[in-house]
Amino acid sequence: TTAAAWIQRARQRYGDMADQFLKLYPAGSDAEANASELAAFRDELGWVQRNWARLQTKTGKSKAYLYYFTHEPPAAPGAQPGPGGFPARGSGATHGAEAPYVCENLLGNRPWTDLDRKLSDTISSYWVNFAANGDPNGKNFPKWSAFDDRKNTRMVLGDVVETGPGLTPARVEFFQSWYDKQTKR
């Protein structure tokens, strides 16, 4: 995207809250607008998942577990960003990038590394444990704590698997305020 297009979309979507949004996701240049576009998508999706986890812990019968997948899978030889808006290499993980890792399906002509295979084994083990026991934890893997909004942590599944921070309070507050405003119409 361009900085001008990002600002225009922000003004169209967020109206009188656009300036607040653009402080969190600025567009001082085209490169900054591109980074902000990816960050805003990630954060809004993270906010939705946080709300789901909050409801699950209040009304559900089981715990919730949140994660951020941050590892950028290797590109297939000759892969190019497409006109559909696929991010350029080096932009980080994209939505759904964890799917081959979850299913231990690191196939095709991508140059998978030992790190990819180890990450896939870890993630797949977490999912199998969760499916079998309602808890992703098992032997020889970093502890994945159940969701606790007061601690604002998530499991980061990336080059290093570890507990990491959730969304910043300002970003949570923005998306919550915008959502609340939309639902009161």
C-alpha atoms as a PDB file:
ATOM      1  CA  THR A   1       0.000   0.000   0.000  1.00  0.00           C
ATOM      2  CA  THR A   2       1.002   3.639  -0.207  1.00  0.00           C
ATOM      3  CA  ALA A   3       0.962   6.092   2.680  1.00  0.00           C
ATOM      4  CA  ALA A   4      -1.850   8.052   1.001  1.00  0.00           C
ATOM      5  CA  ALA A   5      -3.961   4.926   0.460  1.00  0.00           C
ATOM      6  CA  TRP A   6      -3.396   3.766   4.056  1.00  0.00           C
ATOM      7  CA  ILE A   7      -4.467   7.144   5.450  1.00  0.00           C
ATOM      8  CA  GLN A   8      -7.532   7.198   3.193  1.00  0.00           C
ATOM      9  CA  ARG A   9      -8.593   3.690   4.267  1.00  0.00           C
ATOM     10  CA  ALA A  10      -8.057   4.586   7.925  1.00  0.00           C
ATOM     11  CA  ARG A  11     -10.255   7.684   7.566  1.00  0.00           C
ATOM     12  CA  GLN A  12     -12.969   5.714   5.759  1.00  0.00           C
ATOM     13  CA  ARG A  13     -13.043   2.867   8.264  1.00  0.00           C
ATOM     14  CA  TYR A  14     -12.404   4.631  11.558  1.00  0.00           C
ATOM     15  CA  GLY A  15     -13.926   8.065  10.899  1.00  0.00           C
ATOM     16  CA  ASP A  16     -13.447  10.329  13.914  1.00  0.00           C
ATOM     17  CA  MET A  17     -11.122   7.715  15.446  1.00  0.00           C
ATOM     18  CA  ALA A  18      -8.752   7.720  12.433  1.00  0.00           C
ATOM     19  CA  ASP A  19      -6.203  10.080  13.998  1.00  0.00           C
ATOM     20  CA  GLN A  20      -5.967   7.841  17.055  1.00  0.00           C
ATOM     21  CA  PHE A  21      -5.560   4.804  14.767  1.00  0.00           C
ATOM     22  CA  LEU A  22      -2.866   6.507  12.684  1.00  0.00           C
ATOM     23  CA  LYS A  23      -0.865   7.330  15.818  1.00  0.00           C
ATOM     24  CA  LEU A  24      -0.755   3.600  16.551  1.00  0.00           C
ATOM     25  CA  TYR A  25      -0.269   2.583  12.903  1.00  0.00           C
ATOM     26  CA  PRO A  26       1.451   5.550  11.181  1.00  0.00           C
ATOM     27  CA  ALA A  27       1.992   6.231   7.504  1.00  0.00           C
ATOM     28  CA  GLY A  28       4.914   8.644   7.315  1.00  0.00           C
ATOM     29  CA  SER A  29       6.157   6.799   4.223  1.00  0.00           C
ATOM     30  CA  ASP A  30       5.004   3.982   1.964  1.00  0.00           C
ATOM     31  CA  ALA A  31       7.295   1.552   3.805  1.00  0.00           C
ATOM     32  CA  GLU A  32       5.906   2.636   7.177  1.00  0.00           C
ATOM     33  CA  ALA A  33       2.340   2.341   5.839  1.00  0.00           C
ATOM     34  CA  ASN A  34       3.057  -1.223   4.672  1.00  0.00           C
ATOM     35  CA  ALA A  35       4.460  -2.145   8.075  1.00  0.00           C
ATOM     36  CA  SER A  36       1.478  -0.495   9.779  1.00  0.00           C
ATOM     37  CA  GLU A  37      -0.966  -2.378   7.564  1.00  0.00           C
ATOM     38  CA  LEU A  38       0.553  -5.723   8.581  1.00  0.00           C
ATOM     39  CA  ALA A  39       0.734  -4.715  12.254  1.00  0.00           C
ATOM     40  CA  ALA A  40      -2.886  -3.506  12.302  1.00  0.00           C
ATOM     41  CA  PHE A  41      -4.128  -6.768  10.767  1.00  0.00           C
ATOM     42  CA  ARG A  42      -2.084  -8.783  13.282  1.00  0.00           C
ATOM     43  CA  ASP A  43      -3.256  -6.689  16.219  1.00  0.00           C
ATOM     44  CA  GLU A  44      -6.935  -6.641  15.273  1.00  0.00           C
ATOM     45  CA  LEU A  45      -6.883 -10.412  14.849  1.00  0.00           C
ATOM     46  CA  GLY A  46      -5.036 -10.693  18.174  1.00  0.00           C
ATOM     47  CA  TRP A  47      -7.657  -8.464  19.821  1.00  0.00           C
ATOM     48  CA  VAL A  48     -10.456 -10.705  18.495  1.00  0.00           C
ATOM     49  CA  GLN A  49      -8.690 -13.814  19.811  1.00  0.00           C
ATOM     50  CA  ARG A  50      -8.099 -12.090  23.168  1.00  0.00           C
ATOM     51  CA  ASN A  51     -11.823 -11.347  23.446  1.00  0.00           C
ATOM     52  CA  TRP A  52     -12.671 -14.945  22.596  1.00  0.00           C
ATOM     53  CA  ALA A  53     -10.237 -16.164  25.270  1.00  0.00           C
ATOM     54  CA  ARG A  54     -11.681 -13.725  27.829  1.00  0.00           C
ATOM     55  CA  LEU A  55     -15.195 -15.046  27.175  1.00  0.00           C
ATOM     56  CA  GLN A  56     -14.002 -18.653  27.278  1.00  0.00           C
ATOM     57  CA  THR A  57     -12.373 -18.157  30.662  1.00  0.00           C
ATOM     58  CA  LYS A  58     -15.511 -16.462  32.044  1.00  0.00           C
ATOM     59  CA  THR A  59     -18.220 -18.714  30.652  1.00  0.00           C
ATOM     60  CA  GLY A  60     -16.552 -21.847  29.297  1.00  0.00           C
ATOM     61  CA  LYS A  61     -15.716 -25.079  31.004  1.00  0.00           C
ATOM     62  CA  SER A  62     -12.082 -25.193  29.909  1.00  0.00           C
ATOM     63  CA  LYS A  63      -9.037 -22.953  29.726  1.00  0.00           C
ATOM     64  CA  ALA A  64      -8.005 -20.957  26.688  1.00  0.00           C
ATOM     65  CA  TYR A  65      -4.506 -20.752  25.227  1.00  0.00           C
ATOM     66  CA  LEU A  66      -3.349 -17.925  22.956  1.00  0.00           C
ATOM     67  CA  TYR A  67      -0.322 -17.790  20.692  1.00  0.00           C
ATOM     68  CA  TYR A  68       1.452 -15.637  18.147  1.00  0.00           C
ATOM     69  CA  PHE A  69       3.133 -17.456  15.290  1.00  0.00           C
ATOM     70  CA  THR A  70       6.112 -15.311  14.317  1.00  0.00           C
ATOM     71  CA  HIS A  71       8.333 -17.568  12.201  1.00  0.00           C
ATOM     72  CA  GLU A  72       8.411 -16.673   8.522  1.00  0.00           C
ATOM     73  CA  PRO A  73       8.404 -19.923   6.533  1.00  0.00           C
ATOM     74  CA  PRO A  74      10.971 -20.166   3.742  1.00  0.00           C
ATOM     75  CA  ALA A  75       9.751 -19.141   0.317  1.00  0.00           C
ATOM     76  CA  ALA A  76       9.564 -21.596  -2.528  1.00  0.00           C
ATOM     77  CA  PRO A  77      12.287 -20.959  -5.097  1.00  0.00           C
ATOM     78  CA  GLY A  78      11.223 -18.164  -7.436  1.00  0.00           C
ATOM     79  CA  ALA A  79       8.250 -17.100  -5.300  1.00  0.00           C
ATOM     80  CA  GLN A  80       7.236 -13.489  -5.874  1.00  0.00           C
ATOM     81  CA  PRO A  81       4.803 -11.246  -3.981  1.00  0.00           C
ATOM     82  CA  GLY A  82       1.568 -11.359  -5.933  1.00  0.00           C
ATOM     83  CA  PRO A  83      -0.832  -8.642  -7.012  1.00  0.00           C
ATOM     84  CA  GLY A  84      -3.254  -9.969  -4.384  1.00  0.00           C
ATOM     85  CA  GLY A  85      -1.207  -8.186  -1.747  1.00  0.00           C
ATOM     86  CA  PHE A  86       0.997 -10.986  -0.457  1.00  0.00           C
ATOM     87  CA  PRO A  87       3.660  -9.353   1.705  1.00  0.00           C
ATOM     88  CA  ALA A  88       7.240  -9.168   0.557  1.00  0.00           C
ATOM     89  CA  ARG A  89       9.744 -11.604   2.038  1.00  0.00           C
ATOM     90  CA  GLY A  90      11.105 -10.350   5.321  1.00  0.00           C
ATOM     91  CA  SER A  91       7.714  -9.032   6.445  1.00  0.00           C
ATOM     92  CA  GLY A  92       7.327 -11.810   9.015  1.00  0.00           C
ATOM     93  CA  ALA A  93       4.768 -14.560   9.387  1.00  0.00           C
ATOM     94  CA  THR A  94       1.379 -14.134   7.766  1.00  0.00           C
ATOM     95  CA  HIS A  95      -2.069 -15.344   8.803  1.00  0.00           C
ATOM     96  CA  GLY A  96      -2.226 -19.119   8.443  1.00  0.00           C
ATOM     97  CA  ALA A  97       1.538 -19.558   8.022  1.00  0.00           C
ATOM     98  CA  GLU A  98       1.550 -21.984  10.957  1.00  0.00           C
ATOM     99  CA  ALA A  99      -0.705 -24.545   9.218  1.00  0.00           C
ATOM    100  CA  PRO A 100       2.074 -26.715   7.714  1.00  0.00           C
ATOM    101  CA  TYR A 101       3.851 -26.690  11.080  1.00  0.00           C
ATOM    102  CA  VAL A 102       0.746 -27.751  13.011  1.00  0.00           C
ATOM    103  CA  CYS A 103       0.176 -30.667  10.646  1.00  0.00           C
ATOM    104  CA  GLU A 104       3.875 -31.554  10.332  1.00  0.00           C
ATOM    105  CA  ASN A 105       3.432 -31.086   6.613  1.00  0.00           C
ATOM    106  CA  LEU A 106       6.707 -29.436   5.604  1.00  0.00           C
ATOM    107  CA  LEU A 107       6.575 -30.653   2.028  1.00  0.00           C
ATOM    108  CA  GLY A 108       7.004 -29.144  -1.381  1.00  0.00           C
ATOM    109  CA  ASN A 109       9.978 -27.380  -2.837  1.00  0.00           C
ATOM    110  CA  ARG A 110      10.583 -24.922   0.005  1.00  0.00           C
ATOM    111  CA  PRO A 111      14.063 -25.012   1.557  1.00  0.00           C
ATOM    112  CA  TRP A 112      12.894 -26.214   4.995  1.00  0.00           C
ATOM    113  CA  THR A 113      15.568 -26.040   7.702  1.00  0.00           C
ATOM    114  CA  ASP A 114      16.244 -27.951  10.898  1.00  0.00           C
ATOM    115  CA  LEU A 115      14.665 -24.997  12.733  1.00  0.00           C
ATOM    116  CA  ASP A 116      11.472 -25.445  10.676  1.00  0.00           C
ATOM    117  CA  ARG A 117      11.345 -29.168  11.467  1.00  0.00           C
ATOM    118  CA  LYS A 118      11.977 -28.605  15.195  1.00  0.00           C
ATOM    119  CA  LEU A 119       9.337 -25.861  15.340  1.00  0.00           C
ATOM    120  CA  SER A 120       6.873 -28.114  13.522  1.00  0.00           C
ATOM    121  CA  ASP A 121       7.502 -30.945  15.982  1.00  0.00           C
ATOM    122  CA  THR A 122       6.955 -28.605  18.943  1.00  0.00           C
ATOM    123  CA  ILE A 123       3.780 -27.027  17.568  1.00  0.00           C
ATOM    124  CA  SER A 124       2.318 -30.352  16.464  1.00  0.00           C
ATOM    125  CA  SER A 125       3.005 -31.802  19.921  1.00  0.00           C
ATOM    126  CA  TYR A 126       1.254 -28.862  21.574  1.00  0.00           C
ATOM    127  CA  TRP A 127      -1.820 -29.353  19.352  1.00  0.00           C
ATOM    128  CA  VAL A 128      -1.944 -33.120  19.918  1.00  0.00           C
ATOM    129  CA  ASN A 129      -1.614 -32.644  23.687  1.00  0.00           C
ATOM    130  CA  PHE A 130      -4.394 -30.049  23.641  1.00  0.00           C
ATOM    131  CA  ALA A 131      -6.679 -32.292  21.602  1.00  0.00           C
ATOM    132  CA  ALA A 132      -6.039 -35.237  23.924  1.00  0.00           C
ATOM    133  CA  ASN A 133      -6.038 -33.459  27.286  1.00  0.00           C
ATOM    134  CA  GLY A 134      -7.375 -29.909  26.908  1.00  0.00           C
ATOM    135  CA  ASP A 135      -3.878 -28.687  27.799  1.00  0.00           C
ATOM    136  CA  PRO A 136      -1.061 -28.214  25.272  1.00  0.00           C
ATOM    137  CA  ASN A 137       1.758 -28.844  27.732  1.00  0.00           C
ATOM    138  CA  GLY A 138       3.934 -31.923  27.733  1.00  0.00           C
ATOM    139  CA  LYS A 139       7.462 -33.050  28.460  1.00  0.00           C
ATOM    140  CA  ASN A 140      10.478 -31.320  26.958  1.00  0.00           C
ATOM    141  CA  PHE A 141       8.644 -28.228  25.682  1.00  0.00           C
ATOM    142  CA  PRO A 142       8.408 -24.710  27.105  1.00  0.00           C
ATOM    143  CA  LYS A 143       5.413 -24.292  29.425  1.00  0.00           C
ATOM    144  CA  TRP A 144       2.404 -22.748  27.745  1.00  0.00           C
ATOM    145  CA  SER A 145       0.347 -20.931  30.375  1.00  0.00           C
ATOM    146  CA  ALA A 146      -3.408 -20.676  30.114  1.00  0.00           C
ATOM    147  CA  PHE A 147      -4.792 -17.292  29.116  1.00  0.00           C
ATOM    148  CA  ASP A 148      -4.807 -14.693  31.894  1.00  0.00           C
ATOM    149  CA  ASP A 149      -5.658 -11.203  30.667  1.00  0.00           C
ATOM    150  CA  ARG A 150      -4.049  -9.592  33.718  1.00  0.00           C
ATOM    151  CA  LYS A 151      -0.672 -11.077  32.774  1.00  0.00           C
ATOM    152  CA  ASN A 152      -1.084 -10.127  29.089  1.00  0.00           C
ATOM    153  CA  THR A 153       1.174 -12.906  27.825  1.00  0.00           C
ATOM    154  CA  ARG A 154       0.904 -15.325  24.941  1.00  0.00           C
ATOM    155  CA  MET A 155       2.974 -18.233  23.703  1.00  0.00           C
ATOM    156  CA  VAL A 156       5.245 -17.016  20.924  1.00  0.00           C
ATOM    157  CA  LEU A 157       5.805 -19.777  18.380  1.00  0.00           C
ATOM    158  CA  GLY A 158       8.754 -18.592  16.363  1.00  0.00           C
ATOM    159  CA  ASP A 159      12.473 -19.037  15.960  1.00  0.00           C
ATOM    160  CA  VAL A 160      12.414 -19.345  19.749  1.00  0.00           C
ATOM    161  CA  VAL A 161       9.366 -20.851  21.488  1.00  0.00           C
ATOM    162  CA  GLU A 162       8.736 -18.804  24.608  1.00  0.00           C
ATOM    163  CA  THR A 163       6.210 -16.792  26.539  1.00  0.00           C
ATOM    164  CA  GLY A 164       5.963 -13.245  25.228  1.00  0.00           C
ATOM    165  CA  PRO A 165       3.892 -10.105  25.549  1.00  0.00           C
ATOM    166  CA  GLY A 166       0.377  -9.718  24.232  1.00  0.00           C
ATOM    167  CA  LEU A 167      -1.020  -6.589  22.642  1.00  0.00           C
ATOM    168  CA  THR A 168      -0.100  -3.228  24.081  1.00  0.00           C
ATOM    169  CA  PRO A 169      -2.854  -1.694  26.235  1.00  0.00           C
ATOM    170  CA  ALA A 170      -3.200   1.240  23.814  1.00  0.00           C
ATOM    171  CA  ARG A 171      -3.918  -1.087  20.892  1.00  0.00           C
ATOM    172  CA  VAL A 172      -6.370  -3.199  22.915  1.00  0.00           C
ATOM    173  CA  GLU A 173      -8.128  -0.018  24.033  1.00  0.00           C
ATOM    174  CA  PHE A 174      -8.344   1.326  20.473  1.00  0.00           C
ATOM    175  CA  PHE A 175      -9.913  -1.781  18.976  1.00  0.00           C
ATOM    176  CA  GLN A 176     -12.247  -2.221  21.951  1.00  0.00           C
ATOM    177  CA  SER A 177     -13.385   1.424  21.751  1.00  0.00           C
ATOM    178  CA  TRP A 178     -13.952   1.190  18.016  1.00  0.00           C
ATOM    179  CA  TYR A 179     -15.898  -2.062  18.403  1.00  0.00           C
ATOM    180  CA  ASP A 180     -17.994  -0.646  21.247  1.00  0.00           C
ATOM    181  CA  LYS A 181     -18.789   2.400  19.116  1.00  0.00           C
ATOM    182  CA  GLN A 182     -19.893   0.168  16.205  1.00  0.00           C
ATOM    183  CA  THR A 183     -22.167  -1.989  18.342  1.00  0.00           C
ATOM    184  CA  LYS A 184     -23.929   1.022  19.912  1.00  0.00           C
ATOM    185  CA  ARG A 185     -25.177   2.344  16.579  1.00  0.00           C
END
